[in-house]
């Protein structure tokens, strides 16, 4: 049996397109140890995502960038995290803050992060907690994610992964699509 090198996370409600996993794997095999399938940079996804969903994810990605000094375009549910990096992240947030904690921690710890375009599909199961709900609900959840980012920022030491692997924090630039 092959050694498990990374974990892939995706929306279990059908919103993540499984064919996008190949893009994450390609980026991982090219040297990235944290890969995000970003949805907000492709206007075609905006037909599926509500305005509040697009705005909230973009705003939270900017918040993540403010806390880390990195540029992000999404808090994407579709992501690949290298196994050892995942172990070092030791994630604590169990609800809405999980995505920002992982993304922020990876950036602070010096992970090689790459965003790749991903498709957002209509949900086929489950109940939406963040998008497709009222602006009040979106704001409430957004505040919880902002707080989770702040908590995570204070618990990740700057040099944790950089010292262990000789890495400097970096986000691999990606060509912008659709905007």
C-alpha atoms as a PDB file:
ATOM      1  CA  UNK A   1       0.000   0.000   0.000  1.00  0.00           C
ATOM      2  CA  UNK A   2       1.426   3.453  -0.927  1.00  0.00           C
ATOM      3  CA  UNK A   3       2.432   5.892   1.800  1.00  0.00           C
ATOM      4  CA  UNK A   4      -0.219   8.528   2.518  1.00  0.00           C
ATOM      5  CA  UNK A   5       1.354  11.860   1.510  1.00  0.00           C
ATOM      6  CA  UNK A   6      -1.556  14.310   1.740  1.00  0.00           C
ATOM      7  CA  UNK A   7      -5.189  14.773   2.718  1.00  0.00           C
ATOM      8  CA  UNK A   8      -7.855  16.130   0.387  1.00  0.00           C
ATOM      9  CA  UNK A   9     -10.865  17.964   1.802  1.00  0.00           C
ATOM     10  CA  UNK A  10     -13.984  18.918  -0.136  1.00  0.00           C
ATOM     11  CA  UNK A  11     -17.586  19.932   0.425  1.00  0.00           C
ATOM     12  CA  UNK A  12     -19.548  16.787   1.179  1.00  0.00           C
ATOM     13  CA  UNK A  13     -22.776  18.326  -0.112  1.00  0.00           C
ATOM     14  CA  UNK A  14     -21.785  18.016  -3.765  1.00  0.00           C
ATOM     15  CA  UNK A  15     -20.647  21.626  -4.238  1.00  0.00           C
ATOM     16  CA  UNK A  16     -17.014  20.633  -4.882  1.00  0.00           C
ATOM     17  CA  UNK A  17     -16.384  19.104  -8.286  1.00  0.00           C
ATOM     18  CA  UNK A  18     -14.346  15.878  -7.896  1.00  0.00           C
ATOM     19  CA  UNK A  19     -12.692  16.466 -11.277  1.00  0.00           C
ATOM     20  CA  UNK A  20     -10.902  19.481  -9.720  1.00  0.00           C
ATOM     21  CA  UNK A  21      -8.942  17.145  -7.428  1.00  0.00           C
ATOM     22  CA  UNK A  22      -6.531  16.439 -10.299  1.00  0.00           C
ATOM     23  CA  UNK A  23      -5.524  20.140 -10.304  1.00  0.00           C
ATOM     24  CA  UNK A  24      -4.774  19.997  -6.582  1.00  0.00           C
ATOM     25  CA  UNK A  25      -2.673  16.859  -6.998  1.00  0.00           C
ATOM     26  CA  UNK A  26      -0.741  18.408  -9.894  1.00  0.00           C
ATOM     27  CA  UNK A  27       0.065  21.496  -7.794  1.00  0.00           C
ATOM     28  CA  UNK A  28       1.080  19.262  -4.876  1.00  0.00           C
ATOM     29  CA  UNK A  29       3.369  17.205  -7.087  1.00  0.00           C
ATOM     30  CA  UNK A  30       4.913  20.476  -8.330  1.00  0.00           C
ATOM     31  CA  UNK A  31       6.078  21.265  -4.799  1.00  0.00           C
ATOM     32  CA  UNK A  32       3.144  22.940  -3.044  1.00  0.00           C
ATOM     33  CA  UNK A  33       2.235  21.491   0.321  1.00  0.00           C
ATOM     34  CA  UNK A  34      -1.061  23.373   0.753  1.00  0.00           C
ATOM     35  CA  UNK A  35      -3.317  23.731  -2.297  1.00  0.00           C
ATOM     36  CA  UNK A  36      -6.619  25.641  -2.370  1.00  0.00           C
ATOM     37  CA  UNK A  37      -9.302  25.200  -5.011  1.00  0.00           C
ATOM     38  CA  UNK A  38     -10.408  28.815  -5.279  1.00  0.00           C
ATOM     39  CA  UNK A  39     -13.938  29.574  -6.496  1.00  0.00           C
ATOM     40  CA  UNK A  40     -14.235  33.344  -6.211  1.00  0.00           C
ATOM     41  CA  UNK A  41     -11.943  34.271  -9.103  1.00  0.00           C
ATOM     42  CA  UNK A  42     -14.145  32.622 -11.740  1.00  0.00           C
ATOM     43  CA  UNK A  43     -17.327  34.552 -12.499  1.00  0.00           C
ATOM     44  CA  UNK A  44     -18.957  31.379 -13.825  1.00  0.00           C
ATOM     45  CA  UNK A  45     -19.108  30.217 -10.186  1.00  0.00           C
ATOM     46  CA  UNK A  46     -20.974  33.339  -9.170  1.00  0.00           C
ATOM     47  CA  UNK A  47     -24.147  31.952 -10.763  1.00  0.00           C
ATOM     48  CA  UNK A  48     -24.044  29.092  -8.264  1.00  0.00           C
ATOM     49  CA  UNK A  49     -22.733  31.041  -5.283  1.00  0.00           C
ATOM     50  CA  UNK A  50     -24.924  33.813  -3.889  1.00  0.00           C
ATOM     51  CA  UNK A  51     -23.647  37.386  -3.719  1.00  0.00           C
ATOM     52  CA  UNK A  52     -23.274  37.082   0.057  1.00  0.00           C
ATOM     53  CA  UNK A  53     -21.292  33.852  -0.411  1.00  0.00           C
ATOM     54  CA  UNK A  54     -18.854  35.394  -2.902  1.00  0.00           C
ATOM     55  CA  UNK A  55     -18.471  38.598  -0.895  1.00  0.00           C
ATOM     56  CA  UNK A  56     -18.037  36.821   2.460  1.00  0.00           C
ATOM     57  CA  UNK A  57     -15.441  34.363   1.144  1.00  0.00           C
ATOM     58  CA  UNK A  58     -13.475  37.094  -0.569  1.00  0.00           C
ATOM     59  CA  UNK A  59     -13.610  39.356   2.514  1.00  0.00           C
ATOM     60  CA  UNK A  60     -12.530  36.511   4.794  1.00  0.00           C
ATOM     61  CA  UNK A  61      -9.686  35.643   2.418  1.00  0.00           C
ATOM     62  CA  UNK A  62      -8.550  39.282   2.655  1.00  0.00           C
ATOM     63  CA  UNK A  63      -8.756  39.031   6.479  1.00  0.00           C
ATOM     64  CA  UNK A  64      -6.600  35.898   6.325  1.00  0.00           C
ATOM     65  CA  UNK A  65      -4.156  37.879   4.213  1.00  0.00           C
ATOM     66  CA  UNK A  66      -4.081  40.752   6.689  1.00  0.00           C
ATOM     67  CA  UNK A  67      -3.215  38.304   9.472  1.00  0.00           C
ATOM     68  CA  UNK A  68      -0.496  36.519   7.475  1.00  0.00           C
ATOM     69  CA  UNK A  69       0.876  38.959   4.914  1.00  0.00           C
ATOM     70  CA  UNK A  70      -0.152  36.582   2.118  1.00  0.00           C
ATOM     71  CA  UNK A  71      -2.708  37.181  -0.615  1.00  0.00           C
ATOM     72  CA  UNK A  72      -5.677  34.826  -0.760  1.00  0.00           C
ATOM     73  CA  UNK A  73      -8.830  34.925  -2.901  1.00  0.00           C
ATOM     74  CA  UNK A  74     -11.020  32.360  -1.098  1.00  0.00           C
ATOM     75  CA  UNK A  75     -11.499  30.265   2.034  1.00  0.00           C
ATOM     76  CA  UNK A  76     -11.975  27.266  -0.169  1.00  0.00           C
ATOM     77  CA  UNK A  77     -13.498  24.023   1.110  1.00  0.00           C
ATOM     78  CA  UNK A  78     -11.666  22.103  -1.632  1.00  0.00           C
ATOM     79  CA  UNK A  79      -8.086  21.791  -0.446  1.00  0.00           C
ATOM     80  CA  UNK A  80      -5.108  19.486  -0.289  1.00  0.00           C
ATOM     81  CA  UNK A  81      -2.838  19.560   2.745  1.00  0.00           C
ATOM     82  CA  UNK A  82       0.425  17.642   2.940  1.00  0.00           C
ATOM     83  CA  UNK A  83       0.234  15.030   5.678  1.00  0.00           C
ATOM     84  CA  UNK A  84       3.167  16.337   7.749  1.00  0.00           C
ATOM     85  CA  UNK A  85       1.936  19.931   7.482  1.00  0.00           C
ATOM     86  CA  UNK A  86      -1.535  18.814   8.580  1.00  0.00           C
ATOM     87  CA  UNK A  87      -0.020  17.096  11.616  1.00  0.00           C
ATOM     88  CA  UNK A  88       1.965  20.227  12.530  1.00  0.00           C
ATOM     89  CA  UNK A  89      -1.088  22.454  12.170  1.00  0.00           C
ATOM     90  CA  UNK A  90      -2.801  20.552  14.984  1.00  0.00           C
ATOM     91  CA  UNK A  91      -6.131  22.189  14.132  1.00  0.00           C
ATOM     92  CA  UNK A  92      -8.473  23.054  16.997  1.00  0.00           C
ATOM     93  CA  UNK A  93     -11.428  24.831  15.412  1.00  0.00           C
ATOM     94  CA  UNK A  94     -14.266  22.333  15.088  1.00  0.00           C
ATOM     95  CA  UNK A  95     -16.911  24.445  13.344  1.00  0.00           C
ATOM     96  CA  UNK A  96     -16.880  27.484  11.061  1.00  0.00           C
ATOM     97  CA  UNK A  97     -13.273  28.470  11.804  1.00  0.00           C
ATOM     98  CA  UNK A  98     -11.622  25.300  10.519  1.00  0.00           C
ATOM     99  CA  UNK A  99     -10.863  26.612   7.029  1.00  0.00           C
ATOM    100  CA  UNK A 100      -9.320  29.904   8.138  1.00  0.00           C
ATOM    101  CA  UNK A 101      -7.308  28.232  10.903  1.00  0.00           C
ATOM    102  CA  UNK A 102      -5.718  25.781   8.462  1.00  0.00           C
ATOM    103  CA  UNK A 103      -5.051  28.422   5.806  1.00  0.00           C
ATOM    104  CA  UNK A 104      -3.666  30.965   8.224  1.00  0.00           C
ATOM    105  CA  UNK A 105      -1.541  28.411  10.065  1.00  0.00           C
ATOM    106  CA  UNK A 106      -0.063  27.070   6.843  1.00  0.00           C
ATOM    107  CA  UNK A 107       0.902  30.591   5.733  1.00  0.00           C
ATOM    108  CA  UNK A 108       2.459  31.514   9.072  1.00  0.00           C
ATOM    109  CA  UNK A 109       4.338  28.218   9.248  1.00  0.00           C
ATOM    110  CA  UNK A 110       5.950  28.841   5.860  1.00  0.00           C
ATOM    111  CA  UNK A 111       4.040  26.354   3.731  1.00  0.00           C
ATOM    112  CA  UNK A 112       4.251  26.605  -0.026  1.00  0.00           C
ATOM    113  CA  UNK A 113       0.662  27.578  -0.812  1.00  0.00           C
ATOM    114  CA  UNK A 114      -0.931  27.539  -4.224  1.00  0.00           C
ATOM    115  CA  UNK A 115      -4.416  28.488  -5.368  1.00  0.00           C
ATOM    116  CA  UNK A 116      -5.872  26.693  -8.367  1.00  0.00           C
ATOM    117  CA  UNK A 117      -9.210  27.455 -10.045  1.00  0.00           C
ATOM    118  CA  UNK A 118     -12.073  25.251  -8.884  1.00  0.00           C
ATOM    119  CA  UNK A 119     -15.688  24.884  -9.897  1.00  0.00           C
ATOM    120  CA  UNK A 120     -18.585  25.493  -7.512  1.00  0.00           C
ATOM    121  CA  UNK A 121     -21.609  23.297  -8.243  1.00  0.00           C
ATOM    122  CA  UNK A 122     -25.147  23.376  -6.965  1.00  0.00           C
ATOM    123  CA  UNK A 123     -25.493  21.518  -3.700  1.00  0.00           C
ATOM    124  CA  UNK A 124     -27.224  18.166  -3.902  1.00  0.00           C
ATOM    125  CA  UNK A 125     -27.489  17.375  -0.175  1.00  0.00           C
ATOM    126  CA  UNK A 126     -27.397  18.924   3.253  1.00  0.00           C
ATOM    127  CA  UNK A 127     -28.471  22.265   4.596  1.00  0.00           C
ATOM    128  CA  UNK A 128     -26.482  25.394   3.818  1.00  0.00           C
ATOM    129  CA  UNK A 129     -25.099  27.147   6.878  1.00  0.00           C
ATOM    130  CA  UNK A 130     -23.271  30.082   5.306  1.00  0.00           C
ATOM    131  CA  UNK A 131     -24.466  30.927   1.792  1.00  0.00           C
ATOM    132  CA  UNK A 132     -28.000  30.994   0.484  1.00  0.00           C
ATOM    133  CA  UNK A 133     -29.122  32.248   3.874  1.00  0.00           C
ATOM    134  CA  UNK A 134     -29.905  35.726   5.151  1.00  0.00           C
ATOM    135  CA  UNK A 135     -27.288  38.464   5.203  1.00  0.00           C
ATOM    136  CA  UNK A 136     -27.693  38.448   9.000  1.00  0.00           C
ATOM    137  CA  UNK A 137     -26.779  34.765   9.175  1.00  0.00           C
ATOM    138  CA  UNK A 138     -23.855  35.280   6.779  1.00  0.00           C
ATOM    139  CA  UNK A 139     -22.618  38.174   8.954  1.00  0.00           C
ATOM    140  CA  UNK A 140     -22.987  36.119  12.140  1.00  0.00           C
ATOM    141  CA  UNK A 141     -20.999  33.199  10.733  1.00  0.00           C
ATOM    142  CA  UNK A 142     -18.464  35.609   9.236  1.00  0.00           C
ATOM    143  CA  UNK A 143     -17.849  37.122  12.672  1.00  0.00           C
ATOM    144  CA  UNK A 144     -17.181  33.649  14.067  1.00  0.00           C
ATOM    145  CA  UNK A 145     -14.674  32.998  11.292  1.00  0.00           C
ATOM    146  CA  UNK A 146     -12.973  36.361  11.878  1.00  0.00           C
ATOM    147  CA  UNK A 147     -12.624  35.478  15.582  1.00  0.00           C
ATOM    148  CA  UNK A 148     -11.267  32.021  14.725  1.00  0.00           C
ATOM    149  CA  UNK A 149      -8.661  33.656  12.498  1.00  0.00           C
ATOM    150  CA  UNK A 150      -7.620  35.972  15.305  1.00  0.00           C
ATOM    151  CA  UNK A 151      -7.327  33.040  17.739  1.00  0.00           C
ATOM    152  CA  UNK A 152      -5.316  31.026  15.236  1.00  0.00           C
ATOM    153  CA  UNK A 153      -2.982  33.947  14.500  1.00  0.00           C
ATOM    154  CA  UNK A 154      -1.945  34.127  18.124  1.00  0.00           C
ATOM    155  CA  UNK A 155      -1.200  30.416  18.465  1.00  0.00           C
ATOM    156  CA  UNK A 156       1.022  29.778  15.428  1.00  0.00           C
ATOM    157  CA  UNK A 157       4.671  30.729  15.956  1.00  0.00           C
ATOM    158  CA  UNK A 158       6.245  32.377  12.908  1.00  0.00           C
ATOM    159  CA  UNK A 159       9.188  30.027  12.586  1.00  0.00           C
ATOM    160  CA  UNK A 160       7.499  26.690  13.417  1.00  0.00           C
ATOM    161  CA  UNK A 161       7.653  25.116   9.967  1.00  0.00           C
ATOM    162  CA  UNK A 162      10.125  27.512   8.390  1.00  0.00           C
ATOM    163  CA  UNK A 163      12.833  26.490  10.862  1.00  0.00           C
ATOM    164  CA  UNK A 164      12.053  22.811  10.518  1.00  0.00           C
ATOM    165  CA  UNK A 165      12.076  22.783   6.720  1.00  0.00           C
ATOM    166  CA  UNK A 166      14.097  25.852   5.731  1.00  0.00           C
ATOM    167  CA  UNK A 167      11.067  27.476   4.098  1.00  0.00           C
ATOM    168  CA  UNK A 168      10.099  31.103   3.858  1.00  0.00           C
ATOM    169  CA  UNK A 169       6.376  31.865   3.686  1.00  0.00           C
ATOM    170  CA  UNK A 170       5.257  32.041   0.083  1.00  0.00           C
ATOM    171  CA  UNK A 171       2.145  31.976  -2.034  1.00  0.00           C
ATOM    172  CA  UNK A 172       2.731  30.742  -5.551  1.00  0.00           C
ATOM    173  CA  UNK A 173       1.222  33.369  -7.881  1.00  0.00           C
ATOM    174  CA  UNK A 174      -1.562  32.159 -10.124  1.00  0.00           C
ATOM    175  CA  UNK A 175      -2.932  33.796 -13.249  1.00  0.00           C
ATOM    176  CA  UNK A 176      -6.249  35.480 -12.532  1.00  0.00           C
ATOM    177  CA  UNK A 177      -9.262  34.133 -14.390  1.00  0.00           C
ATOM    178  CA  UNK A 178     -12.654  35.632 -14.942  1.00  0.00           C
ATOM    179  CA  UNK A 179     -12.178  38.942 -13.115  1.00  0.00           C
END
